[in-house]
N, C-alpha and C. Protein backbone atom coordinates (compact mmCIF):
# COMPACT_ATOMS: atom_id res chain seq x y z
N UNK A 1 -22.33 -13.98 19.90
CA UNK A 1 -21.14 -13.91 19.07
C UNK A 1 -21.04 -12.54 18.38
N UNK A 2 -22.19 -12.00 17.94
CA UNK A 2 -22.17 -10.69 17.28
C UNK A 2 -21.63 -9.61 18.20
N UNK A 3 -21.96 -9.72 19.51
CA UNK A 3 -21.44 -8.75 20.48
C UNK A 3 -19.92 -8.78 20.51
N UNK A 4 -19.34 -9.99 20.46
CA UNK A 4 -17.89 -10.13 20.47
C UNK A 4 -17.29 -9.48 19.22
N UNK A 5 -17.91 -9.70 18.07
CA UNK A 5 -17.42 -9.08 16.83
C UNK A 5 -17.50 -7.56 16.92
N UNK A 6 -18.60 -7.05 17.47
CA UNK A 6 -18.75 -5.60 17.63
C UNK A 6 -17.67 -5.04 18.56
N UNK A 7 -17.36 -5.77 19.62
CA UNK A 7 -16.33 -5.30 20.55
C UNK A 7 -14.95 -5.27 19.88
N UNK A 8 -14.65 -6.28 19.10
CA UNK A 8 -13.38 -6.28 18.38
C UNK A 8 -13.33 -5.14 17.36
N UNK A 9 -14.46 -4.91 16.68
CA UNK A 9 -14.48 -3.81 15.70
C UNK A 9 -14.28 -2.47 16.40
N UNK A 10 -14.84 -2.31 17.57
CA UNK A 10 -14.65 -1.07 18.32
C UNK A 10 -13.16 -0.83 18.62
N UNK A 11 -12.42 -1.89 18.87
CA UNK A 11 -10.97 -1.75 19.11
C UNK A 11 -10.29 -1.30 17.82
N UNK A 12 -10.67 -1.88 16.69
CA UNK A 12 -10.09 -1.48 15.40
C UNK A 12 -10.39 0.00 15.12
N UNK A 13 -11.59 0.41 15.42
CA UNK A 13 -11.97 1.82 15.19
C UNK A 13 -11.18 2.72 16.13
N UNK A 14 -10.96 2.28 17.37
CA UNK A 14 -10.12 3.07 18.30
C UNK A 14 -8.70 3.21 17.75
N UNK A 15 -8.22 2.18 17.08
CA UNK A 15 -6.89 2.27 16.45
C UNK A 15 -6.87 3.34 15.36
N UNK A 16 -7.97 3.44 14.60
CA UNK A 16 -8.03 4.48 13.57
C UNK A 16 -8.09 5.87 14.20
N UNK A 17 -8.80 5.99 15.32
CA UNK A 17 -8.82 7.27 16.05
C UNK A 17 -7.43 7.60 16.59
N UNK A 18 -6.72 6.58 17.08
CA UNK A 18 -5.37 6.76 17.60
C UNK A 18 -4.46 7.38 16.52
N UNK A 19 -4.62 6.90 15.31
CA UNK A 19 -3.81 7.41 14.20
C UNK A 19 -4.05 8.90 13.98
N UNK A 20 -5.30 9.29 14.02
CA UNK A 20 -5.65 10.71 13.82
C UNK A 20 -5.23 11.55 15.02
N UNK A 21 -5.60 11.09 16.21
CA UNK A 21 -5.33 11.86 17.44
C UNK A 21 -3.84 12.11 17.66
N UNK A 22 -3.02 11.18 17.22
CA UNK A 22 -1.58 11.30 17.42
C UNK A 22 -0.84 11.73 16.15
N UNK A 23 -1.61 12.12 15.14
CA UNK A 23 -1.04 12.59 13.87
C UNK A 23 -0.02 11.60 13.29
N UNK A 24 -0.41 10.32 13.29
CA UNK A 24 0.47 9.25 12.84
C UNK A 24 0.26 8.93 11.37
N UNK A 25 -0.99 9.00 10.92
CA UNK A 25 -1.30 8.62 9.55
C UNK A 25 -2.78 8.79 9.28
N UNK A 26 -3.26 8.09 8.25
CA UNK A 26 -4.65 8.19 7.85
C UNK A 26 -5.61 7.55 8.85
N UNK A 27 -6.90 7.74 8.64
CA UNK A 27 -7.92 7.31 9.59
C UNK A 27 -8.30 5.83 9.48
N UNK A 28 -7.31 4.97 9.63
CA UNK A 28 -7.55 3.54 9.45
C UNK A 28 -6.91 2.76 10.59
N UNK A 29 -7.63 1.75 11.07
CA UNK A 29 -7.12 0.89 12.13
C UNK A 29 -7.52 -0.55 11.87
N UNK A 30 -6.74 -1.47 12.43
CA UNK A 30 -7.03 -2.89 12.26
C UNK A 30 -6.49 -3.68 13.44
N UNK A 31 -7.17 -4.78 13.73
CA UNK A 31 -6.66 -5.73 14.72
C UNK A 31 -6.76 -7.13 14.14
N UNK A 32 -5.93 -8.01 14.66
CA UNK A 32 -6.00 -9.42 14.28
C UNK A 32 -6.24 -10.22 15.56
N UNK A 33 -7.21 -11.14 15.46
CA UNK A 33 -7.66 -11.92 16.60
C UNK A 33 -7.48 -13.40 16.28
N UNK A 34 -7.02 -14.15 17.29
CA UNK A 34 -6.94 -15.61 17.17
C UNK A 34 -7.46 -16.22 18.46
N UNK A 35 -8.35 -17.16 18.31
CA UNK A 35 -8.94 -17.84 19.47
C UNK A 35 -9.50 -16.85 20.49
N UNK A 36 -10.15 -15.81 19.99
CA UNK A 36 -10.79 -14.83 20.87
C UNK A 36 -9.85 -13.86 21.54
N UNK A 37 -8.58 -13.86 21.17
CA UNK A 37 -7.58 -12.98 21.79
C UNK A 37 -6.97 -12.06 20.73
N UNK A 38 -6.82 -10.78 21.07
CA UNK A 38 -6.20 -9.83 20.15
C UNK A 38 -4.70 -10.13 20.07
N UNK A 39 -4.24 -10.42 18.87
CA UNK A 39 -2.83 -10.75 18.62
C UNK A 39 -2.05 -9.49 18.23
N UNK A 40 -2.71 -8.60 17.48
CA UNK A 40 -2.04 -7.36 17.08
C UNK A 40 -3.06 -6.24 16.90
N UNK A 41 -2.60 -5.04 17.18
CA UNK A 41 -3.37 -3.81 16.94
C UNK A 41 -2.48 -2.91 16.11
N UNK A 42 -3.06 -2.26 15.11
CA UNK A 42 -2.24 -1.38 14.26
C UNK A 42 -3.10 -0.29 13.66
N UNK A 43 -2.41 0.71 13.13
CA UNK A 43 -3.05 1.85 12.50
C UNK A 43 -2.20 2.25 11.31
N UNK A 44 -2.74 3.12 10.52
CA UNK A 44 -2.05 3.61 9.33
C UNK A 44 -0.87 4.48 9.76
N UNK A 45 0.31 4.21 9.19
CA UNK A 45 1.51 5.00 9.48
C UNK A 45 2.21 5.44 8.19
N UNK A 46 1.44 5.59 7.13
CA UNK A 46 2.00 5.94 5.82
C UNK A 46 2.83 7.22 5.90
N UNK A 47 2.28 8.27 6.49
CA UNK A 47 2.97 9.57 6.46
C UNK A 47 4.12 9.66 7.45
N UNK A 48 4.01 9.01 8.60
CA UNK A 48 5.11 9.08 9.57
C UNK A 48 6.25 8.13 9.21
N UNK A 49 5.93 7.02 8.57
CA UNK A 49 6.96 6.06 8.15
C UNK A 49 7.49 6.35 6.74
N UNK A 50 6.85 7.30 6.06
CA UNK A 50 7.19 7.55 4.64
C UNK A 50 7.18 6.23 3.87
N UNK A 51 6.10 5.48 4.09
CA UNK A 51 5.97 4.15 3.51
C UNK A 51 4.54 3.97 3.00
N UNK A 52 4.35 3.98 1.68
CA UNK A 52 2.99 3.84 1.15
C UNK A 52 2.35 2.49 1.42
N UNK A 53 3.13 1.51 1.90
CA UNK A 53 2.56 0.20 2.23
C UNK A 53 2.19 0.08 3.70
N UNK A 54 2.40 1.12 4.48
CA UNK A 54 2.16 1.05 5.93
C UNK A 54 0.70 1.31 6.27
N UNK A 55 -0.18 0.60 5.60
CA UNK A 55 -1.61 0.66 5.90
C UNK A 55 -1.87 -0.12 7.18
N UNK A 56 -2.98 0.16 7.81
CA UNK A 56 -3.31 -0.48 9.09
C UNK A 56 -3.32 -2.00 8.98
N UNK A 57 -3.93 -2.52 7.92
CA UNK A 57 -4.04 -3.97 7.78
C UNK A 57 -2.66 -4.61 7.58
N UNK A 58 -1.83 -4.00 6.75
CA UNK A 58 -0.48 -4.54 6.52
C UNK A 58 0.33 -4.47 7.82
N UNK A 59 0.23 -3.35 8.52
CA UNK A 59 0.93 -3.24 9.81
C UNK A 59 0.44 -4.30 10.79
N UNK A 60 -0.86 -4.55 10.80
CA UNK A 60 -1.43 -5.56 11.71
C UNK A 60 -0.94 -6.96 11.34
N UNK A 61 -0.89 -7.25 10.05
CA UNK A 61 -0.39 -8.55 9.59
C UNK A 61 1.07 -8.72 10.01
N UNK A 62 1.88 -7.70 9.80
CA UNK A 62 3.30 -7.79 10.17
C UNK A 62 3.46 -8.04 11.67
N UNK A 63 2.71 -7.30 12.49
CA UNK A 63 2.80 -7.48 13.94
C UNK A 63 2.33 -8.86 14.37
N UNK A 64 1.23 -9.33 13.79
CA UNK A 64 0.71 -10.65 14.15
C UNK A 64 1.68 -11.76 13.76
N UNK A 65 2.29 -11.64 12.60
CA UNK A 65 3.26 -12.65 12.17
C UNK A 65 4.46 -12.69 13.11
N UNK A 66 4.92 -11.51 13.53
CA UNK A 66 6.02 -11.47 14.50
C UNK A 66 5.59 -12.10 15.83
N UNK A 67 4.38 -11.76 16.28
CA UNK A 67 3.90 -12.27 17.57
C UNK A 67 3.75 -13.79 17.55
N UNK A 68 3.26 -14.32 16.44
CA UNK A 68 3.03 -15.76 16.33
C UNK A 68 4.23 -16.50 15.76
N UNK A 69 5.26 -15.74 15.36
CA UNK A 69 6.47 -16.32 14.78
C UNK A 69 6.15 -17.25 13.61
N UNK A 70 5.28 -16.73 12.72
CA UNK A 70 4.87 -17.50 11.56
C UNK A 70 4.39 -16.55 10.47
N UNK A 71 4.68 -16.89 9.21
CA UNK A 71 4.21 -16.05 8.12
C UNK A 71 2.79 -16.41 7.69
N UNK A 72 2.23 -17.45 8.28
CA UNK A 72 0.84 -17.83 8.03
C UNK A 72 0.02 -17.52 9.28
N UNK A 73 -1.13 -16.91 9.06
CA UNK A 73 -2.01 -16.55 10.17
C UNK A 73 -3.28 -17.40 10.14
N UNK A 74 -3.08 -18.69 9.96
CA UNK A 74 -4.21 -19.62 9.97
C UNK A 74 -4.99 -19.47 11.27
N UNK A 75 -6.30 -19.51 11.17
CA UNK A 75 -7.15 -19.41 12.34
C UNK A 75 -7.36 -18.00 12.85
N UNK A 76 -6.81 -17.01 12.14
CA UNK A 76 -6.95 -15.61 12.56
C UNK A 76 -8.07 -14.92 11.82
N UNK A 77 -8.58 -13.89 12.47
CA UNK A 77 -9.62 -13.02 11.90
C UNK A 77 -9.09 -11.60 11.98
N UNK A 78 -9.36 -10.81 10.94
CA UNK A 78 -8.98 -9.39 10.96
C UNK A 78 -10.24 -8.54 11.04
N UNK A 79 -10.16 -7.53 11.88
CA UNK A 79 -11.20 -6.51 11.99
C UNK A 79 -10.55 -5.21 11.55
N UNK A 80 -11.13 -4.56 10.57
CA UNK A 80 -10.53 -3.35 10.02
C UNK A 80 -11.58 -2.26 9.90
N UNK A 81 -11.17 -1.06 10.19
CA UNK A 81 -12.12 0.06 10.23
C UNK A 81 -12.65 0.43 8.85
N UNK A 82 -12.02 -0.10 7.79
CA UNK A 82 -12.48 0.20 6.43
C UNK A 82 -12.25 -1.02 5.54
N UNK A 83 -13.08 -1.16 4.55
CA UNK A 83 -12.91 -2.23 3.56
C UNK A 83 -11.47 -2.18 3.02
N UNK A 84 -10.76 -3.29 3.06
CA UNK A 84 -9.36 -3.27 2.64
C UNK A 84 -9.17 -2.89 1.18
N UNK A 85 -8.12 -2.09 0.94
CA UNK A 85 -7.72 -1.77 -0.42
C UNK A 85 -7.15 -3.04 -1.07
N UNK A 86 -6.93 -3.04 -2.37
CA UNK A 86 -6.39 -4.25 -3.01
C UNK A 86 -5.05 -4.73 -2.42
N UNK A 87 -4.17 -3.81 -2.05
CA UNK A 87 -2.89 -4.21 -1.47
C UNK A 87 -3.12 -4.94 -0.14
N UNK A 88 -3.95 -4.35 0.71
CA UNK A 88 -4.22 -4.95 2.02
C UNK A 88 -4.97 -6.26 1.86
N UNK A 89 -5.91 -6.29 0.95
CA UNK A 89 -6.65 -7.52 0.70
C UNK A 89 -5.69 -8.63 0.27
N UNK A 90 -4.74 -8.30 -0.58
CA UNK A 90 -3.74 -9.28 -1.00
C UNK A 90 -2.92 -9.77 0.18
N UNK A 91 -2.48 -8.85 1.03
CA UNK A 91 -1.69 -9.23 2.21
C UNK A 91 -2.50 -10.15 3.12
N UNK A 92 -3.78 -9.86 3.27
CA UNK A 92 -4.66 -10.69 4.11
C UNK A 92 -4.76 -12.10 3.52
N UNK A 93 -4.93 -12.18 2.20
CA UNK A 93 -5.00 -13.49 1.55
C UNK A 93 -3.67 -14.23 1.67
N UNK A 94 -2.55 -13.54 1.42
CA UNK A 94 -1.23 -14.18 1.52
C UNK A 94 -0.99 -14.70 2.93
N UNK A 95 -1.49 -13.99 3.93
CA UNK A 95 -1.30 -14.41 5.33
C UNK A 95 -2.23 -15.56 5.73
N UNK A 96 -3.17 -15.88 4.86
CA UNK A 96 -4.12 -16.98 5.10
C UNK A 96 -5.09 -16.68 6.25
N UNK A 97 -5.41 -15.41 6.44
CA UNK A 97 -6.41 -15.03 7.44
C UNK A 97 -7.76 -15.58 6.98
N UNK A 98 -8.52 -16.12 7.92
CA UNK A 98 -9.73 -16.85 7.52
C UNK A 98 -10.99 -15.99 7.33
N UNK A 99 -11.02 -14.80 7.93
CA UNK A 99 -12.23 -13.98 7.80
C UNK A 99 -11.89 -12.52 8.00
N UNK A 100 -12.63 -11.66 7.28
CA UNK A 100 -12.45 -10.21 7.35
C UNK A 100 -13.76 -9.57 7.80
N UNK A 101 -13.68 -8.73 8.83
CA UNK A 101 -14.80 -7.88 9.21
C UNK A 101 -14.35 -6.44 8.96
N UNK A 102 -15.21 -5.63 8.35
CA UNK A 102 -14.85 -4.23 8.11
C UNK A 102 -16.03 -3.32 8.43
N UNK A 103 -15.72 -2.05 8.66
CA UNK A 103 -16.75 -1.07 9.02
C UNK A 103 -17.06 -0.17 7.81
N UNK A 104 -16.23 0.84 7.56
CA UNK A 104 -16.46 1.74 6.42
C UNK A 104 -16.23 1.01 5.10
N UNK A 105 -16.88 1.49 4.06
CA UNK A 105 -16.71 0.91 2.73
C UNK A 105 -15.68 1.70 1.91
N UNK A 106 -15.30 1.14 0.77
CA UNK A 106 -14.38 1.87 -0.13
C UNK A 106 -15.04 3.14 -0.65
N UNK A 107 -16.35 3.16 -0.76
CA UNK A 107 -17.07 4.37 -1.17
C UNK A 107 -16.97 5.43 -0.08
N UNK A 108 -17.11 5.00 1.18
CA UNK A 108 -16.92 5.94 2.29
C UNK A 108 -15.52 6.53 2.25
N UNK A 109 -14.52 5.70 1.97
CA UNK A 109 -13.14 6.18 1.88
C UNK A 109 -12.98 7.16 0.71
N UNK A 110 -13.60 6.85 -0.41
CA UNK A 110 -13.53 7.75 -1.57
C UNK A 110 -14.16 9.10 -1.24
N UNK A 111 -15.18 9.10 -0.41
CA UNK A 111 -15.86 10.35 -0.04
C UNK A 111 -14.97 11.27 0.79
N UNK A 112 -13.88 10.74 1.36
CA UNK A 112 -12.94 11.61 2.09
C UNK A 112 -11.57 11.61 1.39
N UNK A 113 -11.61 11.37 0.08
CA UNK A 113 -10.44 11.47 -0.81
C UNK A 113 -9.42 10.35 -0.67
N UNK A 114 -9.85 9.16 -0.25
CA UNK A 114 -9.03 7.96 -0.32
C UNK A 114 -9.67 7.08 -1.39
N UNK A 115 -9.17 7.14 -2.60
CA UNK A 115 -9.86 6.49 -3.71
C UNK A 115 -9.34 5.09 -3.99
N UNK A 116 -9.55 4.20 -3.03
CA UNK A 116 -9.17 2.80 -3.21
C UNK A 116 -9.94 2.18 -4.37
N UNK A 117 -11.13 2.70 -4.62
CA UNK A 117 -11.95 2.15 -5.69
C UNK A 117 -11.24 2.23 -7.03
N UNK A 118 -10.42 3.28 -7.24
CA UNK A 118 -9.64 3.40 -8.47
C UNK A 118 -8.76 2.17 -8.67
N UNK A 119 -8.13 1.71 -7.58
CA UNK A 119 -7.25 0.55 -7.68
C UNK A 119 -8.04 -0.72 -8.03
N UNK A 120 -9.22 -0.87 -7.43
CA UNK A 120 -10.06 -2.02 -7.79
C UNK A 120 -10.40 -1.97 -9.28
N UNK A 121 -10.73 -0.79 -9.78
CA UNK A 121 -11.04 -0.64 -11.21
C UNK A 121 -9.81 -0.91 -12.07
N UNK A 122 -8.66 -0.42 -11.65
CA UNK A 122 -7.42 -0.59 -12.41
C UNK A 122 -7.07 -2.07 -12.56
N UNK A 123 -7.30 -2.86 -11.53
CA UNK A 123 -7.01 -4.29 -11.59
C UNK A 123 -7.88 -5.01 -12.62
N UNK A 124 -9.04 -4.45 -12.91
CA UNK A 124 -9.93 -5.03 -13.92
C UNK A 124 -9.68 -4.48 -15.31
N UNK A 125 -8.75 -3.54 -15.43
CA UNK A 125 -8.41 -2.95 -16.72
C UNK A 125 -7.36 -3.82 -17.40
N UNK A 126 -7.49 -4.08 -18.70
CA UNK A 126 -6.45 -4.86 -19.39
C UNK A 126 -5.07 -4.22 -19.17
N UNK A 127 -4.08 -5.04 -19.02
CA UNK A 127 -2.74 -4.59 -18.67
C UNK A 127 -2.21 -3.49 -19.60
N UNK A 128 -2.53 -3.59 -20.86
CA UNK A 128 -2.04 -2.59 -21.83
C UNK A 128 -2.75 -1.24 -21.71
N UNK A 129 -3.85 -1.17 -20.96
CA UNK A 129 -4.61 0.07 -20.82
C UNK A 129 -4.51 0.70 -19.44
N UNK A 130 -3.65 0.18 -18.59
CA UNK A 130 -3.54 0.71 -17.23
C UNK A 130 -2.82 2.05 -17.21
N UNK A 131 -3.07 2.81 -16.15
CA UNK A 131 -2.50 4.16 -16.00
C UNK A 131 -0.97 4.14 -15.92
N UNK A 132 -0.43 3.14 -15.22
CA UNK A 132 1.03 3.00 -15.11
C UNK A 132 1.44 1.93 -16.11
N UNK A 133 2.31 2.27 -17.07
CA UNK A 133 2.73 1.28 -18.07
C UNK A 133 3.41 0.07 -17.41
N UNK A 134 3.07 -1.09 -17.88
CA UNK A 134 3.66 -2.34 -17.41
C UNK A 134 4.29 -3.03 -18.61
N UNK A 135 5.62 -3.22 -18.57
CA UNK A 135 6.35 -3.74 -19.71
C UNK A 135 7.13 -4.98 -19.28
N UNK A 136 6.92 -6.08 -19.96
CA UNK A 136 7.63 -7.31 -19.65
C UNK A 136 8.97 -7.34 -20.39
N UNK A 137 10.05 -7.67 -19.65
CA UNK A 137 11.38 -7.83 -20.24
C UNK A 137 12.12 -8.97 -19.53
N UNK A 138 13.09 -9.55 -20.17
CA UNK A 138 14.01 -10.56 -19.60
C UNK A 138 13.32 -11.79 -19.04
N UNK A 139 12.19 -12.19 -19.62
CA UNK A 139 11.46 -13.34 -19.11
C UNK A 139 12.31 -14.61 -19.13
N UNK A 140 13.03 -14.86 -20.22
CA UNK A 140 13.84 -16.08 -20.32
C UNK A 140 14.84 -16.18 -19.18
N UNK A 141 15.48 -15.08 -18.86
CA UNK A 141 16.45 -15.05 -17.77
C UNK A 141 15.76 -15.28 -16.42
N UNK A 142 14.65 -14.63 -16.21
CA UNK A 142 13.91 -14.76 -14.94
C UNK A 142 13.34 -16.16 -14.76
N UNK A 143 12.97 -16.82 -15.85
CA UNK A 143 12.43 -18.18 -15.74
C UNK A 143 13.46 -19.15 -15.18
N UNK A 144 14.74 -18.88 -15.40
CA UNK A 144 15.79 -19.73 -14.85
C UNK A 144 15.75 -19.71 -13.32
N UNK A 145 15.47 -18.56 -12.74
CA UNK A 145 15.34 -18.47 -11.29
C UNK A 145 14.13 -19.27 -10.81
N UNK A 146 13.02 -19.18 -11.53
CA UNK A 146 11.84 -19.96 -11.17
C UNK A 146 12.14 -21.46 -11.25
N UNK A 147 12.85 -21.86 -12.26
CA UNK A 147 13.22 -23.27 -12.41
C UNK A 147 14.11 -23.72 -11.25
N UNK A 148 15.03 -22.85 -10.85
CA UNK A 148 15.90 -23.14 -9.71
C UNK A 148 15.07 -23.34 -8.44
N UNK A 149 14.10 -22.46 -8.24
CA UNK A 149 13.19 -22.57 -7.08
C UNK A 149 12.40 -23.88 -7.13
N UNK A 150 11.84 -24.19 -8.29
CA UNK A 150 11.03 -25.39 -8.44
C UNK A 150 11.84 -26.65 -8.15
N UNK A 151 13.12 -26.64 -8.51
CA UNK A 151 13.97 -27.81 -8.32
C UNK A 151 14.56 -27.90 -6.91
N UNK A 152 14.50 -26.84 -6.14
CA UNK A 152 15.13 -26.81 -4.82
C UNK A 152 14.40 -27.74 -3.85
N UNK A 153 15.19 -28.54 -3.13
CA UNK A 153 14.64 -29.42 -2.12
C UNK A 153 14.63 -28.73 -0.75
N UNK A 154 15.21 -27.54 -0.65
CA UNK A 154 15.34 -26.83 0.62
C UNK A 154 14.38 -25.65 0.78
N UNK A 155 13.53 -25.44 -0.21
CA UNK A 155 12.63 -24.28 -0.14
C UNK A 155 11.55 -24.48 0.91
N UNK A 156 11.10 -23.38 1.44
CA UNK A 156 9.95 -23.38 2.35
C UNK A 156 8.79 -22.81 1.55
N UNK A 157 7.86 -23.66 1.22
CA UNK A 157 6.74 -23.21 0.39
C UNK A 157 5.75 -22.40 1.21
N UNK A 158 5.11 -21.48 0.53
CA UNK A 158 4.11 -20.65 1.18
C UNK A 158 2.97 -20.38 0.25
């Protein structure tokens, strides 16, 4: 089984090389596997898409959801060339992926000037002390929308 995991990780790493070799984005790649079959392959496209959310893992989740025609990726595994940043980790959790395999660490990424670790630290900082000010407004108005959602019999829960 470990050999199979290593082979899948090699594909994810090839995706990260593809990104560099083709000047598409940063050195990150990811694949999503279900039942031993690769469902999606992706790489970082932040700079070519002008999209700061176009990380390899997010791109892989989007492709896998389209391929499976479902917003839930139950039974899927992600292999990613680097430990997921908080945004990617959140996307993986929201997609209900069951397991994450990664190669490089967030420290390795920080060593080449991708400081995902800052974001992990920021999430542990009290909201009033974060680098980007976060200000709550119009809660009463917004709660009405939540109440509408909660009362809806036609919603698709996720």
